[in-house]
Amino acid sequence: MDVNGEKPKLHRAVFDKALTFVLAGFGFVAALAWNDAIQSIFDEVFGTTGQSSLLAKFGYAILLTAIITIVSLRLGKDVGPK
């Protein structure tokens, strides 16, 4: 199976894919940590009971969606064809 370097290419591809998954996992954990921190800020500012808590959660979701959309669009422009 070592004809024309087939086996080393396969091992490298598997390693690269595994590394991608591990880094994505770390990114997900970091995102969860930031999510928890930002939610704690909203809880401090708006409280954690009743209607204000519900409005704060929707406000948080809308704000976060807007920020992620803007960042995604900016990154797409930077990475896309020129």
C-alpha atoms as a PDB file:
ATOM      1  CA  MET A   1       0.000   0.000   0.000  1.00  0.00           C
ATOM      2  CA  ASP A   2       2.981   2.269   0.033  1.00  0.00           C
ATOM      3  CA  VAL A   3       2.903   2.592  -3.742  1.00  0.00           C
ATOM      4  CA  ASN A   4       3.253   6.229  -4.791  1.00  0.00           C
ATOM      5  CA  GLY A   5       2.926   7.388  -1.186  1.00  0.00           C
ATOM      6  CA  GLU A   6      -0.743   6.377  -0.849  1.00  0.00           C
ATOM      7  CA  LYS A   7      -0.573   5.297   2.806  1.00  0.00           C
ATOM      8  CA  PRO A   8       1.221   8.395   4.135  1.00  0.00           C
ATOM      9  CA  LYS A   9      -1.296  10.629   2.322  1.00  0.00           C
ATOM     10  CA  LEU A  10      -4.176   8.770   3.965  1.00  0.00           C
ATOM     11  CA  HIS A  11      -2.599   9.060   7.427  1.00  0.00           C
ATOM     12  CA  ARG A  12      -2.003  12.774   6.867  1.00  0.00           C
ATOM     13  CA  ALA A  13      -5.601  13.299   5.730  1.00  0.00           C
ATOM     14  CA  VAL A  14      -6.940  11.464   8.792  1.00  0.00           C
ATOM     15  CA  PHE A  15      -4.633  13.451  11.080  1.00  0.00           C
ATOM     16  CA  ASP A  16      -5.664  16.753   9.468  1.00  0.00           C
ATOM     17  CA  LYS A  17      -9.363  15.918   9.805  1.00  0.00           C
ATOM     18  CA  ALA A  18      -8.955  14.830  13.443  1.00  0.00           C
ATOM     19  CA  LEU A  19      -7.075  18.050  14.203  1.00  0.00           C
ATOM     20  CA  THR A  20      -9.891  20.045  12.602  1.00  0.00           C
ATOM     21  CA  PHE A  21     -12.455  18.282  14.806  1.00  0.00           C
ATOM     22  CA  VAL A  22     -10.411  18.836  17.966  1.00  0.00           C
ATOM     23  CA  LEU A  23      -9.947  22.532  17.203  1.00  0.00           C
ATOM     24  CA  ALA A  24     -13.663  22.882  16.412  1.00  0.00           C
ATOM     25  CA  GLY A  25     -14.421  21.266  19.769  1.00  0.00           C
ATOM     26  CA  PHE A  26     -12.181  23.749  21.570  1.00  0.00           C
ATOM     27  CA  GLY A  27     -13.865  26.578  19.691  1.00  0.00           C
ATOM     28  CA  PHE A  28     -17.264  25.279  20.761  1.00  0.00           C
ATOM     29  CA  VAL A  29     -16.180  25.109  24.405  1.00  0.00           C
ATOM     30  CA  ALA A  30     -14.856  28.668  24.201  1.00  0.00           C
ATOM     31  CA  ALA A  31     -18.141  29.807  22.644  1.00  0.00           C
ATOM     32  CA  LEU A  32     -20.096  28.179  25.467  1.00  0.00           C
ATOM     33  CA  ALA A  33     -17.890  29.913  28.040  1.00  0.00           C
ATOM     34  CA  TRP A  34     -18.457  33.299  26.374  1.00  0.00           C
ATOM     35  CA  ASN A  35     -22.178  32.589  26.125  1.00  0.00           C
ATOM     36  CA  ASP A  36     -22.339  31.886  29.852  1.00  0.00           C
ATOM     37  CA  ALA A  37     -20.358  35.031  30.668  1.00  0.00           C
ATOM     38  CA  ILE A  38     -22.544  37.256  28.495  1.00  0.00           C
ATOM     39  CA  GLN A  39     -25.721  35.711  29.894  1.00  0.00           C
ATOM     40  CA  SER A  40     -24.450  36.449  33.406  1.00  0.00           C
ATOM     41  CA  ILE A  41     -23.977  40.097  32.434  1.00  0.00           C
ATOM     42  CA  PHE A  42     -27.537  40.241  31.115  1.00  0.00           C
ATOM     43  CA  ASP A  43     -28.811  38.603  34.316  1.00  0.00           C
ATOM     44  CA  GLU A  44     -27.006  41.225  36.395  1.00  0.00           C
ATOM     45  CA  VAL A  45     -28.350  44.106  34.336  1.00  0.00           C
ATOM     46  CA  PHE A  46     -31.928  42.928  33.735  1.00  0.00           C
ATOM     47  CA  GLY A  47     -32.524  40.532  36.635  1.00  0.00           C
ATOM     48  CA  THR A  48     -33.538  36.893  36.410  1.00  0.00           C
ATOM     49  CA  THR A  49     -37.255  36.910  37.143  1.00  0.00           C
ATOM     50  CA  GLY A  50     -40.423  37.387  35.178  1.00  0.00           C
ATOM     51  CA  GLN A  51     -41.054  39.342  32.004  1.00  0.00           C
ATOM     52  CA  SER A  52     -37.814  41.336  32.104  1.00  0.00           C
ATOM     53  CA  SER A  53     -35.814  38.102  32.040  1.00  0.00           C
ATOM     54  CA  LEU A  54     -37.671  36.894  28.964  1.00  0.00           C
ATOM     55  CA  LEU A  55     -37.158  40.213  27.185  1.00  0.00           C
ATOM     56  CA  ALA A  56     -33.484  40.183  28.147  1.00  0.00           C
ATOM     57  CA  LYS A  57     -33.033  36.708  26.676  1.00  0.00           C
ATOM     58  CA  PHE A  58     -34.652  37.722  23.400  1.00  0.00           C
ATOM     59  CA  GLY A  59     -32.580  40.909  23.356  1.00  0.00           C
ATOM     60  CA  TYR A  60     -29.452  38.851  23.954  1.00  0.00           C
ATOM     61  CA  ALA A  61     -30.354  36.440  21.141  1.00  0.00           C
ATOM     62  CA  ILE A  62     -31.088  39.276  18.699  1.00  0.00           C
ATOM     63  CA  LEU A  63     -27.914  41.178  19.610  1.00  0.00           C
ATOM     64  CA  LEU A  64     -25.773  38.054  19.324  1.00  0.00           C
ATOM     65  CA  THR A  65     -27.342  37.141  15.975  1.00  0.00           C
ATOM     66  CA  ALA A  66     -26.649  40.622  14.631  1.00  0.00           C
ATOM     67  CA  ILE A  67     -23.026  40.566  15.796  1.00  0.00           C
ATOM     68  CA  ILE A  68     -22.391  37.092  14.350  1.00  0.00           C
ATOM     69  CA  THR A  69     -24.010  38.086  11.052  1.00  0.00           C
ATOM     70  CA  ILE A  70     -21.841  41.196  10.744  1.00  0.00           C
ATOM     71  CA  VAL A  71     -18.666  39.300  11.625  1.00  0.00           C
ATOM     72  CA  SER A  72     -19.539  36.521   9.150  1.00  0.00           C
ATOM     73  CA  LEU A  73     -20.141  39.018   6.373  1.00  0.00           C
ATOM     74  CA  ARG A  74     -16.845  40.789   7.126  1.00  0.00           C
ATOM     75  CA  LEU A  75     -14.915  37.520   7.179  1.00  0.00           C
ATOM     76  CA  GLY A  76     -16.576  36.455   3.930  1.00  0.00           C
ATOM     77  CA  LYS A  77     -15.373  39.637   2.253  1.00  0.00           C
ATOM     78  CA  ASP A  78     -11.853  39.174   3.590  1.00  0.00           C
ATOM     79  CA  VAL A  79     -11.621  35.520   2.547  1.00  0.00           C
ATOM     80  CA  GLY A  80     -13.640  35.576  -0.667  1.00  0.00           C
ATOM     81  CA  PRO A  81     -12.371  36.142  -4.195  1.00  0.00           C
ATOM     82  CA  LYS A  82     -10.913  39.557  -4.915  1.00  0.00           C
END
